[in-house]
Amino acid sequence: MTLLHGSAMPRLGLGTWPMDDAAAETTVAAAIELGYRLVDTAENYGNERGVGRGVKASGVPREELFVTTKFNKRWHGVELAAEACERSLDRLGLDYVDLLLIHWPNPGHDRYVEAVRGLARLLEDGRLRAIGTSNFKPAHLDRVIAETGIVPDVNQIQLSPTVTRESARAYHAEHGIVTQSWSPIGGQSNDVLREPVVVELAERYGRTPAQIVLRWHMELGLTAVPKSSDPVRLRQNLDVFDFALTTGEVAAISALDQGDAAGADSDAFGH
């Protein structure tokens, strides 16, 4: 997918929360060998070192990979964002990251606009390929755009069939922001994978329920970073590009939506 500032980002990648360094190193290397080219981590995950080691162990040229990380609210500032970037690069053992995200807006901290300005400066200096936000609501993005004129490449949000974020997706589409789904198959409970409509479609297409849900994300034009450390599921999660769901089937899955209140509220939570 081509981003606003020109980078090309894979549609589907590997999420690494809540892996530790050892698990991240092993899983990232295995995932890249299977064909993954997008790897997503964060300062707060505590596994950037492992992710970086996995990237190196894969043997795949760095320029063929797309690495994303995120920083916490203590770095919300123009100069602070640059320091966050350098610290992440040091932990990752990389010369650059492709996409750097503000992990949460933390509106009570009231520094996220300055954090975006810091990202923009890093982009202008050529130290990043793309910039983005995570868990920002349309109201947060409105303020960023109004005060800075800067539009992020990506907004990564909690999004699954039970939390479809329709209004956020519409806002992103209007502004050319790519929506990236975290917890795309519903999180640790995986309740969505037991929903009758998902199970029925999995049987119809000869796929796993998780593949049906990830295909739903693809049909909606989203990008996603599902997490798994199981080699079989890693392979299955990537294998969703050789079939399609109908418009009616996509709508039936979307009807599982429980509203934004079913997801994390970034006005109340953040780090």
C-alpha atoms as a PDB file:
ATOM      1  CA  MET A   1       0.000   0.000   0.000  1.00  0.00           C
ATOM      2  CA  THR A   2       1.452   3.394  -0.965  1.00  0.00           C
ATOM      3  CA  LEU A   3       1.476   5.859   1.918  1.00  0.00           C
ATOM      4  CA  LEU A   4       0.964   9.625   1.790  1.00  0.00           C
ATOM      5  CA  HIS A   5       4.676  10.376   2.028  1.00  0.00           C
ATOM      6  CA  GLY A   6       5.605   7.858  -0.660  1.00  0.00           C
ATOM      7  CA  SER A   7       6.620   4.695   1.182  1.00  0.00           C
ATOM      8  CA  ALA A   8       5.168   1.316   0.243  1.00  0.00           C
ATOM      9  CA  MET A   9       3.894  -0.678   3.228  1.00  0.00           C
ATOM     10  CA  PRO A  10       2.821  -4.341   3.176  1.00  0.00           C
ATOM     11  CA  ARG A  11      -0.875  -4.966   3.798  1.00  0.00           C
ATOM     12  CA  LEU A  12      -0.273  -7.665   6.392  1.00  0.00           C
ATOM     13  CA  GLY A  13       2.466  -7.902   8.984  1.00  0.00           C
ATOM     14  CA  LEU A  14       3.549  -9.470  12.244  1.00  0.00           C
ATOM     15  CA  GLY A  15       2.477  -8.004  15.565  1.00  0.00           C
ATOM     16  CA  THR A  16       4.852  -8.790  18.454  1.00  0.00           C
ATOM     17  CA  TRP A  17       2.944  -7.902  21.636  1.00  0.00           C
ATOM     18  CA  PRO A  18       3.323  -9.508  24.211  1.00  0.00           C
ATOM     19  CA  MET A  19       6.483 -11.407  23.178  1.00  0.00           C
ATOM     20  CA  ASP A  20       9.673 -11.017  25.184  1.00  0.00           C
ATOM     21  CA  ASP A  21      13.036 -10.519  23.480  1.00  0.00           C
ATOM     22  CA  ALA A  22      13.747 -14.229  23.111  1.00  0.00           C
ATOM     23  CA  ALA A  23      10.345 -15.051  21.623  1.00  0.00           C
ATOM     24  CA  ALA A  24      10.471 -11.987  19.368  1.00  0.00           C
ATOM     25  CA  GLU A  25      13.879 -12.946  17.973  1.00  0.00           C
ATOM     26  CA  THR A  26      12.764 -16.473  17.114  1.00  0.00           C
ATOM     27  CA  THR A  27       9.332 -15.511  15.800  1.00  0.00           C
ATOM     28  CA  VAL A  28      10.464 -12.550  13.703  1.00  0.00           C
ATOM     29  CA  ALA A  29      13.154 -14.620  11.994  1.00  0.00           C
ATOM     30  CA  ALA A  30      10.670 -17.442  11.338  1.00  0.00           C
ATOM     31  CA  ALA A  31       8.003 -15.047  10.070  1.00  0.00           C
ATOM     32  CA  ILE A  32      10.376 -13.352   7.640  1.00  0.00           C
ATOM     33  CA  GLU A  33      11.422 -16.752   6.333  1.00  0.00           C
ATOM     34  CA  LEU A  34       7.722 -17.515   5.717  1.00  0.00           C
ATOM     35  CA  GLY A  35       7.348 -14.318   3.687  1.00  0.00           C
ATOM     36  CA  TYR A  36       6.398 -11.600   6.176  1.00  0.00           C
ATOM     37  CA  ARG A  37       7.955  -8.262   5.311  1.00  0.00           C
ATOM     38  CA  LEU A  38       6.271  -5.993   7.907  1.00  0.00           C
ATOM     39  CA  VAL A  39       7.194  -6.309  11.587  1.00  0.00           C
ATOM     40  CA  ASP A  40       5.523  -4.200  14.271  1.00  0.00           C
ATOM     41  CA  THR A  41       6.971  -3.491  17.722  1.00  0.00           C
ATOM     42  CA  ALA A  42       7.009  -0.686  20.307  1.00  0.00           C
ATOM     43  CA  GLU A  43       9.060   0.780  23.108  1.00  0.00           C
ATOM     44  CA  ASN A  44       6.381  -0.343  25.541  1.00  0.00           C
ATOM     45  CA  TYR A  45       6.489  -3.965  24.373  1.00  0.00           C
ATOM     46  CA  GLY A  46       9.990  -4.320  25.777  1.00  0.00           C
ATOM     47  CA  ASN A  47      11.071  -6.498  22.850  1.00  0.00           C
ATOM     48  CA  GLU A  48      12.734  -4.131  20.375  1.00  0.00           C
ATOM     49  CA  ARG A  49      16.109  -5.789  20.951  1.00  0.00           C
ATOM     50  CA  GLY A  50      14.656  -9.192  20.138  1.00  0.00           C
ATOM     51  CA  VAL A  51      12.883  -7.863  17.069  1.00  0.00           C
ATOM     52  CA  GLY A  52      16.121  -6.340  15.809  1.00  0.00           C
ATOM     53  CA  ARG A  53      18.001  -9.576  16.365  1.00  0.00           C
ATOM     54  CA  GLY A  54      15.278 -11.468  14.495  1.00  0.00           C
ATOM     55  CA  VAL A  55      15.525  -9.065  11.572  1.00  0.00           C
ATOM     56  CA  LYS A  56      19.278  -9.626  11.385  1.00  0.00           C
ATOM     57  CA  ALA A  57      18.985 -13.393  11.825  1.00  0.00           C
ATOM     58  CA  SER A  58      16.538 -13.607   8.918  1.00  0.00           C
ATOM     59  CA  GLY A  59      19.262 -12.787   6.424  1.00  0.00           C
ATOM     60  CA  VAL A  60      16.795 -10.790   4.307  1.00  0.00           C
ATOM     61  CA  PRO A  61      18.204  -7.434   3.123  1.00  0.00           C
ATOM     62  CA  ARG A  62      17.045  -4.597   5.373  1.00  0.00           C
ATOM     63  CA  GLU A  63      15.612  -2.625   2.450  1.00  0.00           C
ATOM     64  CA  GLU A  64      13.157  -5.455   1.741  1.00  0.00           C
ATOM     65  CA  LEU A  65      11.640  -5.166   5.225  1.00  0.00           C
ATOM     66  CA  PHE A  66       9.265  -2.638   6.770  1.00  0.00           C
ATOM     67  CA  VAL A  67       9.877  -2.135  10.499  1.00  0.00           C
ATOM     68  CA  THR A  68       7.458  -0.168  12.674  1.00  0.00           C
ATOM     69  CA  THR A  69       7.923   0.939  16.269  1.00  0.00           C
ATOM     70  CA  LYS A  70       6.183   3.333  18.663  1.00  0.00           C
ATOM     71  CA  PHE A  71       7.100   5.632  21.545  1.00  0.00           C
ATOM     72  CA  ASN A  72       5.448   6.527  24.849  1.00  0.00           C
ATOM     73  CA  LYS A  73       4.110   9.822  26.190  1.00  0.00           C
ATOM     74  CA  ARG A  74       7.358  10.776  27.957  1.00  0.00           C
ATOM     75  CA  TRP A  75       8.711  11.555  24.451  1.00  0.00           C
ATOM     76  CA  HIS A  76       5.852  13.834  23.362  1.00  0.00           C
ATOM     77  CA  GLY A  77       7.803  16.829  22.127  1.00  0.00           C
ATOM     78  CA  VAL A  78       9.771  17.960  19.071  1.00  0.00           C
ATOM     79  CA  GLU A  79      13.228  17.159  20.452  1.00  0.00           C
ATOM     80  CA  LEU A  80      11.916  14.363  22.630  1.00  0.00           C
ATOM     81  CA  ALA A  81      10.519  12.507  19.605  1.00  0.00           C
ATOM     82  CA  ALA A  82      13.996  12.568  18.059  1.00  0.00           C
ATOM     83  CA  GLU A  83      15.446  11.115  21.248  1.00  0.00           C
ATOM     84  CA  ALA A  84      12.755   8.409  21.286  1.00  0.00           C
ATOM     85  CA  CYS A  85      13.678   7.531  17.724  1.00  0.00           C
ATOM     86  CA  GLU A  86      17.380   7.257  18.536  1.00  0.00           C
ATOM     87  CA  ARG A  87      16.716   5.099  21.578  1.00  0.00           C
ATOM     88  CA  SER A  88      14.515   2.740  19.565  1.00  0.00           C
ATOM     89  CA  LEU A  89      17.118   2.497  16.810  1.00  0.00           C
ATOM     90  CA  ASP A  90      19.752   1.675  19.411  1.00  0.00           C
ATOM     91  CA  ARG A  91      17.618  -1.102  20.908  1.00  0.00           C
ATOM     92  CA  LEU A  92      16.687  -2.453  17.476  1.00  0.00           C
ATOM     93  CA  GLY A  93      20.250  -2.260  16.239  1.00  0.00           C
ATOM     94  CA  LEU A  94      19.021  -0.672  13.001  1.00  0.00           C
ATOM     95  CA  ASP A  95      20.025   2.411  11.046  1.00  0.00           C
ATOM     96  CA  TYR A  96      16.421   3.435  10.442  1.00  0.00           C
ATOM     97  CA  VAL A  97      12.818   2.447  11.030  1.00  0.00           C
ATOM     98  CA  ASP A  98      10.315   2.641   8.224  1.00  0.00           C
ATOM     99  CA  LEU A  99       7.432   3.917  10.339  1.00  0.00           C
ATOM    100  CA  LEU A 100       7.485   5.576  13.765  1.00  0.00           C
ATOM    101  CA  LEU A 101       4.199   5.949  15.627  1.00  0.00           C
ATOM    102  CA  ILE A 102       3.035   7.928  18.651  1.00  0.00           C
ATOM    103  CA  HIS A 103       1.678   5.001  20.655  1.00  0.00           C
ATOM    104  CA  TRP A 104      -1.204   6.802  22.409  1.00  0.00           C
ATOM    105  CA  PRO A 105      -2.415  10.419  22.201  1.00  0.00           C
ATOM    106  CA  ASN A 106      -2.616  10.850  25.991  1.00  0.00           C
ATOM    107  CA  PRO A 107      -4.786  13.990  25.670  1.00  0.00           C
ATOM    108  CA  GLY A 108      -4.493  14.651  29.401  1.00  0.00           C
ATOM    109  CA  HIS A 109      -0.739  15.040  28.887  1.00  0.00           C
ATOM    110  CA  ASP A 110      -1.600  17.461  26.041  1.00  0.00           C
ATOM    111  CA  ARG A 111       1.641  17.097  24.097  1.00  0.00           C
ATOM    112  CA  TYR A 112       0.662  14.926  21.152  1.00  0.00           C
ATOM    113  CA  VAL A 113       0.626  17.830  18.688  1.00  0.00           C
ATOM    114  CA  GLU A 114       4.261  18.569  19.526  1.00  0.00           C
ATOM    115  CA  ALA A 115       5.039  14.876  19.160  1.00  0.00           C
ATOM    116  CA  VAL A 116       3.658  14.967  15.616  1.00  0.00           C
ATOM    117  CA  ARG A 117       5.787  18.019  14.864  1.00  0.00           C
ATOM    118  CA  GLY A 118       8.770  16.018  16.053  1.00  0.00           C
ATOM    119  CA  LEU A 119       7.885  13.157  13.715  1.00  0.00           C
ATOM    120  CA  ALA A 120       7.546  15.560  10.800  1.00  0.00           C
ATOM    121  CA  ARG A 121      11.015  16.942  11.468  1.00  0.00           C
ATOM    122  CA  LEU A 122      12.471  13.412  11.499  1.00  0.00           C
ATOM    123  CA  LEU A 123      10.730  12.733   8.187  1.00  0.00           C
ATOM    124  CA  GLU A 124      12.103  15.934   6.661  1.00  0.00           C
ATOM    125  CA  ASP A 125      15.594  15.000   7.850  1.00  0.00           C
ATOM    126  CA  GLY A 126      15.287  11.660   6.076  1.00  0.00           C
ATOM    127  CA  ARG A 127      15.525   9.653   9.293  1.00  0.00           C
ATOM    128  CA  LEU A 128      12.116   8.022   8.785  1.00  0.00           C
ATOM    129  CA  ARG A 129      10.287   6.672   5.718  1.00  0.00           C
ATOM    130  CA  ALA A 130       6.836   7.347   7.157  1.00  0.00           C
ATOM    131  CA  ILE A 131       5.186   8.820  10.252  1.00  0.00           C
ATOM    132  CA  GLY A 132       2.056   7.889  12.071  1.00  0.00           C
ATOM    133  CA  THR A 133      -0.166   7.772  15.078  1.00  0.00           C
ATOM    134  CA  SER A 134      -1.689   4.962  17.077  1.00  0.00           C
ATOM    135  CA  ASN A 135      -5.022   4.981  18.893  1.00  0.00           C
ATOM    136  CA  PHE A 136      -5.798   8.538  17.753  1.00  0.00           C
ATOM    137  CA  LYS A 137      -9.477   9.393  17.425  1.00  0.00           C
ATOM    138  CA  PRO A 138     -10.744  11.651  14.620  1.00  0.00           C
ATOM    139  CA  ALA A 139     -10.904  14.503  17.155  1.00  0.00           C
ATOM    140  CA  HIS A 140      -7.202  14.074  17.947  1.00  0.00           C
ATOM    141  CA  LEU A 141      -6.302  13.947  14.261  1.00  0.00           C
ATOM    142  CA  ASP A 142      -8.467  16.988  13.554  1.00  0.00           C
ATOM    143  CA  ARG A 143      -6.483  18.984  16.076  1.00  0.00           C
ATOM    144  CA  VAL A 144      -3.147  17.782  14.681  1.00  0.00           C
ATOM    145  CA  ILE A 145      -4.092  18.688  11.112  1.00  0.00           C
ATOM    146  CA  ALA A 146      -5.631  22.044  12.107  1.00  0.00           C
ATOM    147  CA  GLU A 147      -2.633  23.137  14.184  1.00  0.00           C
ATOM    148  CA  THR A 148       0.211  21.740  12.059  1.00  0.00           C
ATOM    149  CA  GLY A 149      -1.080  20.883   8.588  1.00  0.00           C
ATOM    150  CA  ILE A 150       0.627  17.506   9.028  1.00  0.00           C
ATOM    151  CA  VAL A 151      -1.303  14.385   8.020  1.00  0.00           C
ATOM    152  CA  PRO A 152       0.099  11.070   9.305  1.00  0.00           C
ATOM    153  CA  ASP A 153       0.685   8.211   6.901  1.00  0.00           C
ATOM    154  CA  VAL A 154      -0.916   5.652   9.200  1.00  0.00           C
ATOM    155  CA  ASN A 155      -3.216   5.512  12.207  1.00  0.00           C
ATOM    156  CA  GLN A 156      -3.010   2.147  13.937  1.00  0.00           C
ATOM    157  CA  ILE A 157      -6.156   1.412  15.936  1.00  0.00           C
ATOM    158  CA  GLN A 158      -7.863  -1.482  17.678  1.00  0.00           C
ATOM    159  CA  LEU A 159     -10.109  -2.868  14.957  1.00  0.00           C
ATOM    160  CA  SER A 160     -11.850  -6.211  14.503  1.00  0.00           C
ATOM    161  CA  PRO A 161     -15.315  -7.475  13.529  1.00  0.00           C
ATOM    162  CA  THR A 162     -16.552  -6.625  17.034  1.00  0.00           C
ATOM    163  CA  VAL A 163     -14.940  -3.149  17.020  1.00  0.00           C
ATOM    164  CA  THR A 164     -15.228  -2.008  13.400  1.00  0.00           C
ATOM    165  CA  ARG A 165     -14.458   1.711  13.970  1.00  0.00           C
ATOM    166  CA  GLU A 166     -16.563   2.750  10.999  1.00  0.00           C
ATOM    167  CA  SER A 167     -16.395   6.487  11.721  1.00  0.00           C
ATOM    168  CA  ALA A 168     -12.612   6.394  12.196  1.00  0.00           C
ATOM    169  CA  ARG A 169     -12.164   4.446   8.956  1.00  0.00           C
ATOM    170  CA  ALA A 170     -14.268   6.988   7.089  1.00  0.00           C
ATOM    171  CA  TYR A 171     -12.216   9.842   8.539  1.00  0.00           C
ATOM    172  CA  HIS A 172      -8.965   8.157   7.559  1.00  0.00           C
ATOM    173  CA  ALA A 173     -10.198   7.532   4.024  1.00  0.00           C
ATOM    174  CA  GLU A 174     -11.219  11.176   3.660  1.00  0.00           C
ATOM    175  CA  HIS A 175      -7.730  12.357   4.642  1.00  0.00           C
ATOM    176  CA  GLY A 176      -5.639   9.712   2.873  1.00  0.00           C
ATOM    177  CA  ILE A 177      -4.553   8.059   6.124  1.00  0.00           C
ATOM    178  CA  VAL A 178      -4.021   4.286   5.999  1.00  0.00           C
ATOM    179  CA  THR A 179      -5.903   2.398   8.697  1.00  0.00           C
ATOM    180  CA  GLN A 180      -3.908  -0.342  10.374  1.00  0.00           C
ATOM    181  CA  SER A 181      -5.669  -2.800  12.661  1.00  0.00           C
ATOM    182  CA  TRP A 182      -4.148  -3.993  15.904  1.00  0.00           C
ATOM    183  CA  SER A 183      -5.741  -6.977  17.624  1.00  0.00           C
ATOM    184  CA  PRO A 184      -7.345  -7.705  14.222  1.00  0.00           C
ATOM    185  CA  ILE A 185      -8.752 -11.098  15.141  1.00  0.00           C
ATOM    186  CA  GLY A 186     -10.208  -9.910  18.424  1.00  0.00           C
ATOM    187  CA  GLY A 187      -7.469 -10.190  21.016  1.00  0.00           C
ATOM    188  CA  GLN A 188      -6.587 -12.917  23.456  1.00  0.00           C
ATOM    189  CA  SER A 189     -10.157 -14.146  24.005  1.00  0.00           C
ATOM    190  CA  ASN A 190     -10.581 -14.799  20.260  1.00  0.00           C
ATOM    191  CA  ASP A 191     -14.363 -14.826  20.779  1.00  0.00           C
ATOM    192  CA  VAL A 192     -14.903 -13.546  17.238  1.00  0.00           C
ATOM    193  CA  LEU A 193     -13.402 -16.764  15.872  1.00  0.00           C
ATOM    194  CA  ARG A 194     -16.282 -18.688  17.439  1.00  0.00           C
ATOM    195  CA  GLU A 195     -19.014 -16.489  15.980  1.00  0.00           C
ATOM    196  CA  PRO A 196     -21.380 -18.618  13.840  1.00  0.00           C
ATOM    197  CA  VAL A 197     -21.013 -16.397  10.765  1.00  0.00           C
ATOM    198  CA  VAL A 198     -17.214 -16.666  10.902  1.00  0.00           C
ATOM    199  CA  VAL A 199     -17.270 -20.420  11.532  1.00  0.00           C
ATOM    200  CA  GLU A 200     -19.759 -20.931   8.679  1.00  0.00           C
ATOM    201  CA  LEU A 201     -17.634 -18.947   6.233  1.00  0.00           C
ATOM    202  CA  ALA A 202     -14.511 -20.810   7.296  1.00  0.00           C
ATOM    203  CA  GLU A 203     -16.251 -24.084   6.476  1.00  0.00           C
ATOM    204  CA  ARG A 204     -17.564 -22.703   3.184  1.00  0.00           C
ATOM    205  CA  TYR A 205     -14.145 -21.567   1.973  1.00  0.00           C
ATOM    206  CA  GLY A 206     -12.082 -24.325   3.556  1.00  0.00           C
ATOM    207  CA  ARG A 207     -10.203 -21.782   5.647  1.00  0.00           C
ATOM    208  CA  THR A 208      -9.556 -21.165   9.324  1.00  0.00           C
ATOM    209  CA  PRO A 209     -11.772 -18.653  11.172  1.00  0.00           C
ATOM    210  CA  ALA A 210      -8.717 -16.402  11.594  1.00  0.00           C
ATOM    211  CA  GLN A 211      -8.127 -16.415   7.828  1.00  0.00           C
ATOM    212  CA  ILE A 212     -11.746 -15.376   7.259  1.00  0.00           C
ATOM    213  CA  VAL A 213     -11.379 -12.465   9.685  1.00  0.00           C
ATOM    214  CA  LEU A 214      -8.072 -11.338   8.170  1.00  0.00           C
ATOM    215  CA  ARG A 215      -9.601 -11.538   4.696  1.00  0.00           C
ATOM    216  CA  TRP A 216     -12.412  -9.291   6.005  1.00  0.00           C
ATOM    217  CA  HIS A 217      -9.737  -6.691   6.890  1.00  0.00           C
ATOM    218  CA  MET A 218      -8.280  -6.977   3.394  1.00  0.00           C
ATOM    219  CA  GLU A 219     -11.720  -6.591   1.750  1.00  0.00           C
ATOM    220  CA  LEU A 220     -12.232  -3.367   3.712  1.00  0.00           C
ATOM    221  CA  GLY A 221      -8.952  -1.966   2.374  1.00  0.00           C
ATOM    222  CA  LEU A 222      -7.217  -2.125   5.747  1.00  0.00           C
ATOM    223  CA  THR A 223      -3.767  -3.222   6.822  1.00  0.00           C
ATOM    224  CA  ALA A 224      -3.299  -5.476   9.842  1.00  0.00           C
ATOM    225  CA  VAL A 225      -0.638  -6.787  12.228  1.00  0.00           C
ATOM    226  CA  PRO A 226      -1.894 -10.050  13.764  1.00  0.00           C
ATOM    227  CA  LYS A 227       0.297 -11.601  16.434  1.00  0.00           C
ATOM    228  CA  SER A 228       1.209 -15.260  16.539  1.00  0.00           C
ATOM    229  CA  SER A 229       4.292 -17.208  17.495  1.00  0.00           C
ATOM    230  CA  ASP A 230       2.949 -20.540  16.256  1.00  0.00           C
ATOM    231  CA  PRO A 231       4.606 -21.517  12.927  1.00  0.00           C
ATOM    232  CA  VAL A 232       1.394 -23.030  11.530  1.00  0.00           C
ATOM    233  CA  ARG A 233      -0.728 -19.985  12.385  1.00  0.00           C
ATOM    234  CA  LEU A 234       1.982 -17.632  11.131  1.00  0.00           C
ATOM    235  CA  ARG A 235       1.780 -19.319   7.746  1.00  0.00           C
ATOM    236  CA  GLN A 236      -2.035 -19.382   7.776  1.00  0.00           C
ATOM    237  CA  ASN A 237      -2.325 -15.703   8.726  1.00  0.00           C
ATOM    238  CA  LEU A 238      -0.285 -14.696   5.690  1.00  0.00           C
ATOM    239  CA  ASP A 239      -2.199 -16.997   3.337  1.00  0.00           C
ATOM    240  CA  VAL A 240      -5.282 -14.839   2.729  1.00  0.00           C
ATOM    241  CA  PHE A 241      -4.611 -13.382  -0.718  1.00  0.00           C
ATOM    242  CA  ASP A 242      -5.916 -16.170  -2.929  1.00  0.00           C
ATOM    243  CA  PHE A 243      -9.636 -15.948  -2.119  1.00  0.00           C
ATOM    244  CA  ALA A 244     -12.231 -13.228  -1.662  1.00  0.00           C
ATOM    245  CA  LEU A 245     -15.372 -12.634   0.375  1.00  0.00           C
ATOM    246  CA  THR A 246     -18.529 -11.266  -1.191  1.00  0.00           C
ATOM    247  CA  THR A 247     -19.946  -7.869  -0.266  1.00  0.00           C
ATOM    248  CA  GLY A 248     -22.731  -9.626   1.623  1.00  0.00           C
ATOM    249  CA  GLU A 249     -20.293 -11.781   3.562  1.00  0.00           C
ATOM    250  CA  VAL A 250     -18.221  -8.743   4.526  1.00  0.00           C
ATOM    251  CA  ALA A 251     -21.399  -7.020   5.727  1.00  0.00           C
ATOM    252  CA  ALA A 252     -22.427 -10.077   7.758  1.00  0.00           C
ATOM    253  CA  ILE A 253     -19.072 -10.077   9.556  1.00  0.00           C
ATOM    254  CA  SER A 254     -19.269  -6.307  10.091  1.00  0.00           C
ATOM    255  CA  ALA A 255     -22.675  -6.799  11.730  1.00  0.00           C
ATOM    256  CA  LEU A 256     -20.833  -8.303  14.713  1.00  0.00           C
ATOM    257  CA  ASP A 257     -19.796  -4.747  15.670  1.00  0.00           C
ATOM    258  CA  GLN A 258     -20.385  -3.874  19.326  1.00  0.00           C
ATOM    259  CA  GLY A 259     -19.487  -0.206  18.933  1.00  0.00           C
ATOM    260  CA  ASP A 260     -16.440   1.833  19.867  1.00  0.00           C
ATOM    261  CA  ALA A 261     -17.180   1.329  23.568  1.00  0.00           C
ATOM    262  CA  ALA A 262     -16.144  -2.310  23.169  1.00  0.00           C
ATOM    263  CA  GLY A 263     -12.571  -1.192  22.454  1.00  0.00           C
ATOM    264  CA  ALA A 264      -9.905   0.737  24.334  1.00  0.00           C
ATOM    265  CA  ASP A 265     -10.745   4.402  24.951  1.00  0.00           C
ATOM    266  CA  SER A 266      -7.682   6.481  24.125  1.00  0.00           C
ATOM    267  CA  ASP A 267      -9.118   9.498  25.968  1.00  0.00           C
ATOM    268  CA  ALA A 268      -8.943   7.458  29.155  1.00  0.00           C
ATOM    269  CA  PHE A 269      -5.973   5.122  28.604  1.00  0.00           C
ATOM    270  CA  GLY A 270      -2.444   5.540  27.343  1.00  0.00           C
ATOM    271  CA  HIS A 271       1.233   5.294  28.205  1.00  0.00           C
END
